[in-house]
Amino acid sequence: MFLNHYQYNKTAVITGGAGGLGKAIALCLADAGFNIAIVDKNPQQGMAAQEEISALAPCLFIPFDITNAERCPEVFEQVYAHFHSVDVL
């Protein structure tokens, strides 16, 4: 993997992380040692992705539609409260 030890204890926020390319990125970063926060509007896929990713690294799923820009700060507050950092978006 192209990443090194600097990613441990770092947190990546992945929008659309419940499926497709977003999930693939989340899995790759989890495998490299990142904490993962998945933000997705699909609760069923999000919970399933969280379960799968949690086998590799700590993972938090936040059900949220990012088109609601006014409430986006709430997402980062939740991530920060859970992992104490946001390092990659």
C-alpha atoms as a PDB file:
ATOM      1  CA  MET A   1       0.000   0.000   0.000  1.00  0.00           C
ATOM      2  CA  PHE A   2       1.181   3.523  -0.751  1.00  0.00           C
ATOM      3  CA  LEU A   3       0.346   4.779   2.746  1.00  0.00           C
ATOM      4  CA  ASN A   4       2.715   4.572   5.692  1.00  0.00           C
ATOM      5  CA  HIS A   5       2.500   4.591   9.476  1.00  0.00           C
ATOM      6  CA  TYR A   6       1.414   8.238   9.614  1.00  0.00           C
ATOM      7  CA  GLN A   7      -2.230   7.291   8.963  1.00  0.00           C
ATOM      8  CA  TYR A   8      -2.691   5.384  12.249  1.00  0.00           C
ATOM      9  CA  ASN A   9      -5.088   7.170  14.581  1.00  0.00           C
ATOM     10  CA  LYS A  10      -6.139   9.409  11.698  1.00  0.00           C
ATOM     11  CA  THR A  11      -9.781   9.706  10.696  1.00  0.00           C
ATOM     12  CA  ALA A  12     -11.199   9.782   7.190  1.00  0.00           C
ATOM     13  CA  VAL A  13     -14.720  11.040   6.493  1.00  0.00           C
ATOM     14  CA  ILE A  14     -16.143   9.345   3.396  1.00  0.00           C
ATOM     15  CA  THR A  15     -19.295  10.825   1.880  1.00  0.00           C
ATOM     16  CA  GLY A  16     -21.267   8.279  -0.096  1.00  0.00           C
ATOM     17  CA  GLY A  17     -19.289   5.601   1.719  1.00  0.00           C
ATOM     18  CA  ALA A  18     -22.101   3.060   1.917  1.00  0.00           C
ATOM     19  CA  GLY A  19     -21.632   1.768  -1.607  1.00  0.00           C
ATOM     20  CA  GLY A  20     -19.724   1.916  -4.860  1.00  0.00           C
ATOM     21  CA  LEU A  21     -16.540   3.942  -5.088  1.00  0.00           C
ATOM     22  CA  GLY A  22     -17.053   5.539  -1.667  1.00  0.00           C
ATOM     23  CA  LYS A  23     -17.224   2.146   0.019  1.00  0.00           C
ATOM     24  CA  ALA A  24     -14.165   0.946  -1.908  1.00  0.00           C
ATOM     25  CA  ILE A  25     -12.216   3.991  -0.710  1.00  0.00           C
ATOM     26  CA  ALA A  26     -13.422   3.452   2.860  1.00  0.00           C
ATOM     27  CA  LEU A  27     -12.307  -0.184   2.774  1.00  0.00           C
ATOM     28  CA  CYS A  28      -8.900   0.766   1.369  1.00  0.00           C
ATOM     29  CA  LEU A  29      -8.323   3.442   3.998  1.00  0.00           C
ATOM     30  CA  ALA A  30      -9.566   1.151   6.795  1.00  0.00           C
ATOM     31  CA  ASP A  31      -7.133  -1.516   5.626  1.00  0.00           C
ATOM     32  CA  ALA A  32      -4.367   1.100   5.806  1.00  0.00           C
ATOM     33  CA  GLY A  33      -5.202   1.903   9.433  1.00  0.00           C
ATOM     34  CA  PHE A  34      -7.519   4.898   9.254  1.00  0.00           C
ATOM     35  CA  ASN A  35     -10.583   5.316  11.451  1.00  0.00           C
ATOM     36  CA  ILE A  36     -13.536   5.619   9.087  1.00  0.00           C
ATOM     37  CA  ALA A  37     -16.637   7.798   9.278  1.00  0.00           C
ATOM     38  CA  ILE A  38     -19.172   6.939   6.577  1.00  0.00           C
ATOM     39  CA  VAL A  39     -21.702   9.630   5.704  1.00  0.00           C
ATOM     40  CA  ASP A  40     -24.519   8.373   3.510  1.00  0.00           C
ATOM     41  CA  LYS A  41     -28.255   8.886   3.080  1.00  0.00           C
ATOM     42  CA  ASN A  42     -29.017   5.162   2.772  1.00  0.00           C
ATOM     43  CA  PRO A  43     -29.361   3.712   6.292  1.00  0.00           C
ATOM     44  CA  GLN A  44     -29.540   0.060   5.252  1.00  0.00           C
ATOM     45  CA  GLN A  45     -26.431   0.192   3.072  1.00  0.00           C
ATOM     46  CA  GLY A  46     -24.679   2.379   5.622  1.00  0.00           C
ATOM     47  CA  MET A  47     -25.184  -0.068   8.476  1.00  0.00           C
ATOM     48  CA  ALA A  48     -24.036  -2.967   6.275  1.00  0.00           C
ATOM     49  CA  ALA A  49     -20.933  -1.036   5.194  1.00  0.00           C
ATOM     50  CA  GLN A  50     -20.178  -0.100   8.800  1.00  0.00           C
ATOM     51  CA  GLU A  51     -20.310  -3.746   9.814  1.00  0.00           C
ATOM     52  CA  GLU A  52     -17.985  -4.783   6.979  1.00  0.00           C
ATOM     53  CA  ILE A  53     -15.495  -1.961   7.517  1.00  0.00           C
ATOM     54  CA  SER A  54     -15.485  -2.479  11.294  1.00  0.00           C
ATOM     55  CA  ALA A  55     -13.764  -5.817  10.690  1.00  0.00           C
ATOM     56  CA  LEU A  56     -10.746  -3.793   9.493  1.00  0.00           C
ATOM     57  CA  ALA A  57     -10.824  -0.595  11.549  1.00  0.00           C
ATOM     58  CA  PRO A  58     -13.041   1.491  13.828  1.00  0.00           C
ATOM     59  CA  CYS A  59     -15.998   2.728  11.791  1.00  0.00           C
ATOM     60  CA  LEU A  60     -18.849   5.143  12.446  1.00  0.00           C
ATOM     61  CA  PHE A  61     -21.889   5.439  10.195  1.00  0.00           C
ATOM     62  CA  ILE A  62     -23.765   8.738  10.120  1.00  0.00           C
ATOM     63  CA  PRO A  63     -27.024   8.687   8.167  1.00  0.00           C
ATOM     64  CA  PHE A  64     -27.124  12.075   6.465  1.00  0.00           C
ATOM     65  CA  ASP A  65     -27.991  13.691   3.143  1.00  0.00           C
ATOM     66  CA  ILE A  66     -25.092  16.034   2.401  1.00  0.00           C
ATOM     67  CA  THR A  67     -27.260  18.209   0.160  1.00  0.00           C
ATOM     68  CA  ASN A  68     -28.524  19.751   3.418  1.00  0.00           C
ATOM     69  CA  ALA A  69     -25.583  22.141   3.698  1.00  0.00           C
ATOM     70  CA  GLU A  70     -26.900  23.931   6.778  1.00  0.00           C
ATOM     71  CA  ARG A  71     -26.593  20.766   8.845  1.00  0.00           C
ATOM     72  CA  CYS A  72     -23.163  19.615   7.594  1.00  0.00           C
ATOM     73  CA  PRO A  73     -21.355  20.979  10.682  1.00  0.00           C
ATOM     74  CA  GLU A  74     -23.385  18.497  12.764  1.00  0.00           C
ATOM     75  CA  VAL A  75     -21.725  15.637  10.900  1.00  0.00           C
ATOM     76  CA  PHE A  76     -18.256  16.864  11.772  1.00  0.00           C
ATOM     77  CA  GLU A  77     -19.267  17.425  15.382  1.00  0.00           C
ATOM     78  CA  GLN A  78     -20.358  13.772  15.568  1.00  0.00           C
ATOM     79  CA  VAL A  79     -17.153  12.540  13.944  1.00  0.00           C
ATOM     80  CA  TYR A  80     -15.004  14.683  16.203  1.00  0.00           C
ATOM     81  CA  ALA A  81     -16.906  13.547  19.306  1.00  0.00           C
ATOM     82  CA  HIS A  82     -16.361   9.902  18.333  1.00  0.00           C
ATOM     83  CA  PHE A  83     -12.783   9.931  16.968  1.00  0.00           C
ATOM     84  CA  HIS A  84     -11.432  13.284  18.280  1.00  0.00           C
ATOM     85  CA  SER A  85     -10.129  14.285  14.857  1.00  0.00           C
ATOM     86  CA  VAL A  86     -10.996  14.759  11.204  1.00  0.00           C
ATOM     87  CA  ASP A  87      -7.913  14.337   9.047  1.00  0.00           C
ATOM     88  CA  VAL A  88      -9.138  13.331   5.582  1.00  0.00           C
ATOM     89  CA  LEU A  89     -12.300  14.334   3.733  1.00  0.00           C
END
